[in-house]
Amino acid sequence: MDGASRSDLVGLGYLVFEVRDLEAWDDLLVETIGATRGEIGADGARTYRFDEKRARLFLVPGEADDLVAMGFEARDTAAIDRVIARARAAGIDVAIGTAEESADRFASALVRLR
């Protein structure tokens, strides 16, 4: 198979929100929605859990007050390679994250598509 299939990406891994008021978001997530606070990442991100995963939601300080990234779970490393190849073939800019960036998101690999 030379193109990515729908089964290469098996689910949404996490969301990253850049927010101005970390405390207000923390209150919303923990007190209203019922998320569990997780670790503070090396990049300063606050993490929140909703299930057995280390983090499903990351809050990073900033001005956007918006969703700035989504992470997807891939079936395996070959699936990641197929997604990258398909994105490049479609003219999408692909940037491979560093080991540190991957670790910040508790991921084995991080790929940016723009």
N, C-alpha and C. Protein backbone atom coordinates (compact mmCIF):
# COMPACT_ATOMS: atom_id res chain seq x y z
N MET A 1 0.85 -1.17 0.00
CA MET A 1 0.00 0.00 0.00
C MET A 1 0.89 1.23 0.00
N ASP A 2 0.73 2.12 -0.97
CA ASP A 2 1.61 3.27 -1.06
C ASP A 2 1.00 4.54 -0.47
N GLY A 3 -0.26 4.57 -0.15
CA GLY A 3 -0.88 5.74 0.46
C GLY A 3 -1.36 5.40 1.85
N ALA A 4 -1.57 6.44 2.66
CA ALA A 4 -2.08 6.21 4.01
C ALA A 4 -3.52 5.73 3.92
N SER A 5 -3.88 4.83 4.78
CA SER A 5 -5.27 4.38 4.83
C SER A 5 -5.92 4.99 6.06
N ARG A 6 -7.22 4.95 6.08
CA ARG A 6 -7.94 5.49 7.23
C ARG A 6 -7.55 4.77 8.52
N SER A 7 -7.15 3.52 8.40
CA SER A 7 -6.81 2.77 9.60
C SER A 7 -5.40 3.06 10.11
N ASP A 8 -4.62 3.87 9.37
CA ASP A 8 -3.29 4.24 9.86
C ASP A 8 -3.38 5.11 11.11
N LEU A 9 -4.35 6.01 11.15
CA LEU A 9 -4.59 6.83 12.33
C LEU A 9 -5.76 6.21 13.07
N VAL A 10 -5.51 5.78 14.29
CA VAL A 10 -6.51 5.00 15.01
C VAL A 10 -7.32 5.80 16.02
N GLY A 11 -6.96 7.04 16.25
CA GLY A 11 -7.74 7.84 17.18
C GLY A 11 -7.09 9.16 17.52
N LEU A 12 -7.87 10.01 18.13
CA LEU A 12 -7.37 11.28 18.61
C LEU A 12 -6.57 11.02 19.88
N GLY A 13 -5.34 11.49 19.91
CA GLY A 13 -4.49 11.28 21.07
C GLY A 13 -4.62 12.38 22.10
N TYR A 14 -4.54 13.64 21.64
CA TYR A 14 -4.60 14.75 22.57
C TYR A 14 -4.92 16.05 21.86
N LEU A 15 -5.28 17.06 22.65
CA LEU A 15 -5.52 18.42 22.18
C LEU A 15 -4.59 19.36 22.93
N VAL A 16 -4.12 20.40 22.25
CA VAL A 16 -3.28 21.42 22.88
C VAL A 16 -3.99 22.76 22.71
N PHE A 17 -4.27 23.41 23.84
CA PHE A 17 -4.86 24.74 23.82
C PHE A 17 -3.85 25.74 24.35
N GLU A 18 -3.68 26.84 23.63
CA GLU A 18 -2.88 27.96 24.12
C GLU A 18 -3.86 28.93 24.77
N VAL A 19 -3.62 29.24 26.06
CA VAL A 19 -4.60 30.03 26.81
C VAL A 19 -3.94 31.14 27.62
N ARG A 20 -4.69 32.22 27.79
CA ARG A 20 -4.19 33.36 28.58
C ARG A 20 -4.38 33.13 30.08
N ASP A 21 -5.50 32.53 30.46
CA ASP A 21 -5.84 32.38 31.88
C ASP A 21 -5.81 30.90 32.26
N LEU A 22 -4.63 30.43 32.65
CA LEU A 22 -4.46 29.02 33.01
C LEU A 22 -5.35 28.62 34.18
N GLU A 23 -5.49 29.51 35.15
CA GLU A 23 -6.28 29.17 36.35
C GLU A 23 -7.75 28.98 36.01
N ALA A 24 -8.30 29.83 35.15
CA ALA A 24 -9.70 29.70 34.76
C ALA A 24 -9.92 28.38 34.00
N TRP A 25 -9.00 28.05 33.11
CA TRP A 25 -9.11 26.79 32.37
C TRP A 25 -8.96 25.60 33.32
N ASP A 26 -8.04 25.70 34.27
CA ASP A 26 -7.85 24.62 35.25
C ASP A 26 -9.15 24.39 36.02
N ASP A 27 -9.77 25.47 36.46
CA ASP A 27 -11.02 25.36 37.20
C ASP A 27 -12.11 24.72 36.34
N LEU A 28 -12.23 25.16 35.10
CA LEU A 28 -13.23 24.59 34.19
C LEU A 28 -13.00 23.09 34.00
N LEU A 29 -11.76 22.72 33.72
CA LEU A 29 -11.46 21.32 33.44
C LEU A 29 -11.63 20.42 34.65
N VAL A 30 -11.15 20.87 35.81
CA VAL A 30 -11.18 20.01 37.01
C VAL A 30 -12.52 20.07 37.72
N GLU A 31 -13.00 21.28 38.00
CA GLU A 31 -14.21 21.43 38.81
C GLU A 31 -15.50 21.21 38.03
N THR A 32 -15.53 21.60 36.77
CA THR A 32 -16.76 21.50 35.99
C THR A 32 -16.82 20.23 35.15
N ILE A 33 -15.74 19.94 34.44
CA ILE A 33 -15.75 18.80 33.51
C ILE A 33 -15.33 17.50 34.19
N GLY A 34 -14.50 17.60 35.24
CA GLY A 34 -14.09 16.41 35.97
C GLY A 34 -12.78 15.80 35.52
N ALA A 35 -11.96 16.57 34.83
CA ALA A 35 -10.64 16.08 34.42
C ALA A 35 -9.75 15.92 35.64
N THR A 36 -8.75 15.09 35.51
CA THR A 36 -7.74 14.91 36.55
C THR A 36 -6.48 15.65 36.14
N ARG A 37 -5.95 16.45 37.06
CA ARG A 37 -4.68 17.14 36.77
C ARG A 37 -3.58 16.11 36.59
N GLY A 38 -2.73 16.38 35.62
CA GLY A 38 -1.59 15.51 35.39
C GLY A 38 -0.31 16.25 35.71
N GLU A 39 0.71 15.90 34.97
CA GLU A 39 2.04 16.47 35.18
C GLU A 39 2.15 17.86 34.55
N ILE A 40 3.14 18.61 35.03
CA ILE A 40 3.54 19.84 34.36
C ILE A 40 4.70 19.45 33.45
N GLY A 41 4.53 19.69 32.16
CA GLY A 41 5.55 19.29 31.20
C GLY A 41 6.80 20.14 31.28
N ALA A 42 7.87 19.65 30.70
CA ALA A 42 9.13 20.38 30.65
C ALA A 42 8.98 21.71 29.92
N ASP A 43 8.01 21.78 29.01
CA ASP A 43 7.76 23.02 28.26
C ASP A 43 6.78 23.93 28.99
N GLY A 44 6.40 23.57 30.23
CA GLY A 44 5.49 24.39 31.02
C GLY A 44 4.02 24.07 30.82
N ALA A 45 3.73 23.13 29.94
CA ALA A 45 2.33 22.77 29.68
C ALA A 45 1.73 22.07 30.90
N ARG A 46 0.49 22.41 31.20
CA ARG A 46 -0.26 21.68 32.21
C ARG A 46 -0.99 20.56 31.48
N THR A 47 -1.03 19.40 32.08
CA THR A 47 -1.69 18.28 31.43
C THR A 47 -2.90 17.83 32.24
N TYR A 48 -3.86 17.26 31.52
CA TYR A 48 -5.10 16.79 32.12
C TYR A 48 -5.46 15.44 31.54
N ARG A 49 -6.02 14.60 32.42
CA ARG A 49 -6.37 13.23 32.04
C ARG A 49 -7.88 13.04 32.12
N PHE A 50 -8.37 12.19 31.23
CA PHE A 50 -9.78 11.79 31.24
C PHE A 50 -9.92 10.27 31.25
N ASP A 51 -8.79 9.58 31.04
CA ASP A 51 -8.78 8.12 30.98
C ASP A 51 -7.41 7.63 31.42
N GLU A 52 -7.00 6.45 30.98
CA GLU A 52 -5.74 5.86 31.43
C GLU A 52 -4.50 6.48 30.80
N LYS A 53 -4.66 7.30 29.80
CA LYS A 53 -3.51 7.93 29.13
C LYS A 53 -2.88 8.99 30.04
N ARG A 54 -1.58 9.24 29.87
CA ARG A 54 -0.88 10.23 30.70
C ARG A 54 -1.46 11.62 30.54
N ALA A 55 -1.92 11.95 29.34
CA ALA A 55 -2.52 13.27 29.10
C ALA A 55 -3.38 13.21 27.84
N ARG A 56 -4.52 13.85 27.90
CA ARG A 56 -5.39 13.99 26.74
C ARG A 56 -5.54 15.45 26.35
N LEU A 57 -5.22 16.33 27.28
CA LEU A 57 -5.34 17.75 27.02
C LEU A 57 -4.14 18.47 27.62
N PHE A 58 -3.56 19.36 26.84
CA PHE A 58 -2.43 20.17 27.28
C PHE A 58 -2.84 21.63 27.23
N LEU A 59 -2.52 22.37 28.28
CA LEU A 59 -2.70 23.82 28.28
C LEU A 59 -1.32 24.46 28.29
N VAL A 60 -1.08 25.34 27.33
CA VAL A 60 0.18 26.08 27.28
C VAL A 60 -0.15 27.56 27.39
N PRO A 61 0.67 28.31 28.13
CA PRO A 61 0.41 29.74 28.25
C PRO A 61 0.65 30.46 26.92
N GLY A 62 -0.22 31.42 26.61
CA GLY A 62 -0.05 32.20 25.39
C GLY A 62 -1.28 33.04 25.11
N GLU A 63 -1.24 33.74 24.01
CA GLU A 63 -2.27 34.71 23.68
C GLU A 63 -3.39 34.18 22.78
N ALA A 64 -3.24 33.02 22.19
CA ALA A 64 -4.20 32.56 21.17
C ALA A 64 -5.61 32.31 21.73
N ASP A 65 -5.70 31.81 22.96
CA ASP A 65 -6.99 31.38 23.51
C ASP A 65 -7.74 30.52 22.50
N ASP A 66 -7.05 29.50 22.03
CA ASP A 66 -7.62 28.65 20.99
C ASP A 66 -6.90 27.31 20.95
N LEU A 67 -7.51 26.39 20.24
CA LEU A 67 -6.87 25.11 19.95
C LEU A 67 -5.70 25.37 19.01
N VAL A 68 -4.50 24.90 19.36
CA VAL A 68 -3.33 25.16 18.51
C VAL A 68 -2.72 23.88 17.94
N ALA A 69 -3.12 22.72 18.46
CA ALA A 69 -2.57 21.47 17.93
C ALA A 69 -3.45 20.30 18.35
N MET A 70 -3.41 19.26 17.52
CA MET A 70 -4.07 17.99 17.83
C MET A 70 -3.06 16.88 17.58
N GLY A 71 -3.05 15.91 18.45
CA GLY A 71 -2.19 14.76 18.25
C GLY A 71 -3.04 13.53 17.98
N PHE A 72 -2.61 12.73 17.02
CA PHE A 72 -3.34 11.52 16.66
C PHE A 72 -2.51 10.29 16.97
N GLU A 73 -3.18 9.21 17.32
CA GLU A 73 -2.50 7.94 17.55
C GLU A 73 -2.42 7.19 16.23
N ALA A 74 -1.23 6.73 15.91
CA ALA A 74 -1.02 5.96 14.69
C ALA A 74 -0.88 4.49 15.03
N ARG A 75 -1.24 3.66 14.09
CA ARG A 75 -1.18 2.21 14.29
C ARG A 75 0.24 1.75 14.63
N ASP A 76 1.24 2.26 13.90
CA ASP A 76 2.63 1.88 14.12
C ASP A 76 3.53 2.87 13.38
N THR A 77 4.84 2.68 13.44
CA THR A 77 5.76 3.62 12.79
C THR A 77 5.62 3.59 11.27
N ALA A 78 5.28 2.45 10.71
CA ALA A 78 5.06 2.39 9.26
C ALA A 78 3.85 3.25 8.88
N ALA A 79 2.84 3.28 9.72
CA ALA A 79 1.67 4.12 9.47
C ALA A 79 2.05 5.59 9.49
N ILE A 80 2.91 5.98 10.43
CA ILE A 80 3.38 7.37 10.48
C ILE A 80 4.10 7.71 9.18
N ASP A 81 4.95 6.82 8.73
CA ASP A 81 5.68 7.05 7.47
C ASP A 81 4.73 7.21 6.30
N ARG A 82 3.66 6.43 6.25
CA ARG A 82 2.69 6.54 5.16
C ARG A 82 1.94 7.87 5.21
N VAL A 83 1.57 8.30 6.41
CA VAL A 83 0.89 9.58 6.57
C VAL A 83 1.80 10.72 6.11
N ILE A 84 3.07 10.67 6.50
CA ILE A 84 4.04 11.69 6.08
C ILE A 84 4.17 11.71 4.56
N ALA A 85 4.31 10.54 3.96
CA ALA A 85 4.47 10.47 2.49
C ALA A 85 3.24 11.02 1.78
N ARG A 86 2.07 10.68 2.28
CA ARG A 86 0.84 11.17 1.65
C ARG A 86 0.71 12.68 1.80
N ALA A 87 1.05 13.21 2.97
CA ALA A 87 0.98 14.66 3.18
C ALA A 87 1.94 15.39 2.25
N ARG A 88 3.16 14.89 2.14
CA ARG A 88 4.14 15.52 1.25
C ARG A 88 3.67 15.47 -0.21
N ALA A 89 3.10 14.35 -0.60
CA ALA A 89 2.60 14.20 -1.98
C ALA A 89 1.47 15.19 -2.27
N ALA A 90 0.74 15.58 -1.22
CA ALA A 90 -0.36 16.54 -1.37
C ALA A 90 0.13 17.98 -1.25
N GLY A 91 1.44 18.17 -1.08
CA GLY A 91 1.99 19.51 -0.99
C GLY A 91 1.90 20.13 0.39
N ILE A 92 1.65 19.32 1.39
CA ILE A 92 1.56 19.81 2.77
C ILE A 92 2.96 19.84 3.37
N ASP A 93 3.28 20.94 4.05
CA ASP A 93 4.58 21.07 4.71
C ASP A 93 4.63 20.11 5.90
N VAL A 94 5.66 19.31 5.95
CA VAL A 94 5.84 18.32 7.02
C VAL A 94 7.11 18.65 7.78
N ALA A 95 7.00 18.74 9.10
CA ALA A 95 8.17 18.95 9.96
C ALA A 95 8.19 17.85 11.01
N ILE A 96 9.31 17.19 11.14
CA ILE A 96 9.46 16.13 12.14
C ILE A 96 9.93 16.76 13.44
N GLY A 97 9.21 16.49 14.51
CA GLY A 97 9.58 17.04 15.81
C GLY A 97 10.81 16.38 16.39
N THR A 98 11.44 17.08 17.31
CA THR A 98 12.61 16.54 17.98
C THR A 98 12.19 15.52 19.04
N ALA A 99 13.16 14.79 19.55
CA ALA A 99 12.88 13.84 20.63
C ALA A 99 12.33 14.56 21.85
N GLU A 100 12.86 15.76 22.12
CA GLU A 100 12.37 16.55 23.26
C GLU A 100 10.92 16.97 23.06
N GLU A 101 10.57 17.41 21.85
CA GLU A 101 9.19 17.81 21.58
C GLU A 101 8.24 16.62 21.70
N SER A 102 8.67 15.47 21.23
CA SER A 102 7.86 14.25 21.36
C SER A 102 7.66 13.92 22.83
N ALA A 103 8.72 14.00 23.61
CA ALA A 103 8.63 13.70 25.05
C ALA A 103 7.70 14.67 25.75
N ASP A 104 7.71 15.95 25.34
CA ASP A 104 6.82 16.94 25.94
C ASP A 104 5.35 16.56 25.78
N ARG A 105 5.03 15.81 24.73
CA ARG A 105 3.64 15.39 24.47
C ARG A 105 3.43 13.91 24.78
N PHE A 106 4.41 13.30 25.48
CA PHE A 106 4.33 11.89 25.86
C PHE A 106 4.09 11.01 24.63
N ALA A 107 4.73 11.35 23.54
CA ALA A 107 4.55 10.65 22.27
C ALA A 107 5.86 10.01 21.82
N SER A 108 5.76 8.93 21.06
CA SER A 108 6.96 8.30 20.52
C SER A 108 7.49 9.06 19.31
N ALA A 109 6.62 9.83 18.66
CA ALA A 109 7.02 10.65 17.51
C ALA A 109 6.07 11.83 17.42
N LEU A 110 6.59 12.93 16.87
CA LEU A 110 5.77 14.12 16.68
C LEU A 110 6.02 14.64 15.27
N VAL A 111 4.95 14.82 14.53
CA VAL A 111 5.03 15.30 13.15
C VAL A 111 4.07 16.47 13.02
N ARG A 112 4.57 17.58 12.48
CA ARG A 112 3.72 18.75 12.25
C ARG A 112 3.33 18.81 10.78
N LEU A 113 2.05 18.96 10.53
CA LEU A 113 1.54 19.13 9.17
C LEU A 113 0.95 20.53 9.09
N ARG A 114 1.42 21.31 8.11
CA ARG A 114 0.92 22.69 7.98
C ARG A 114 0.48 22.96 6.58
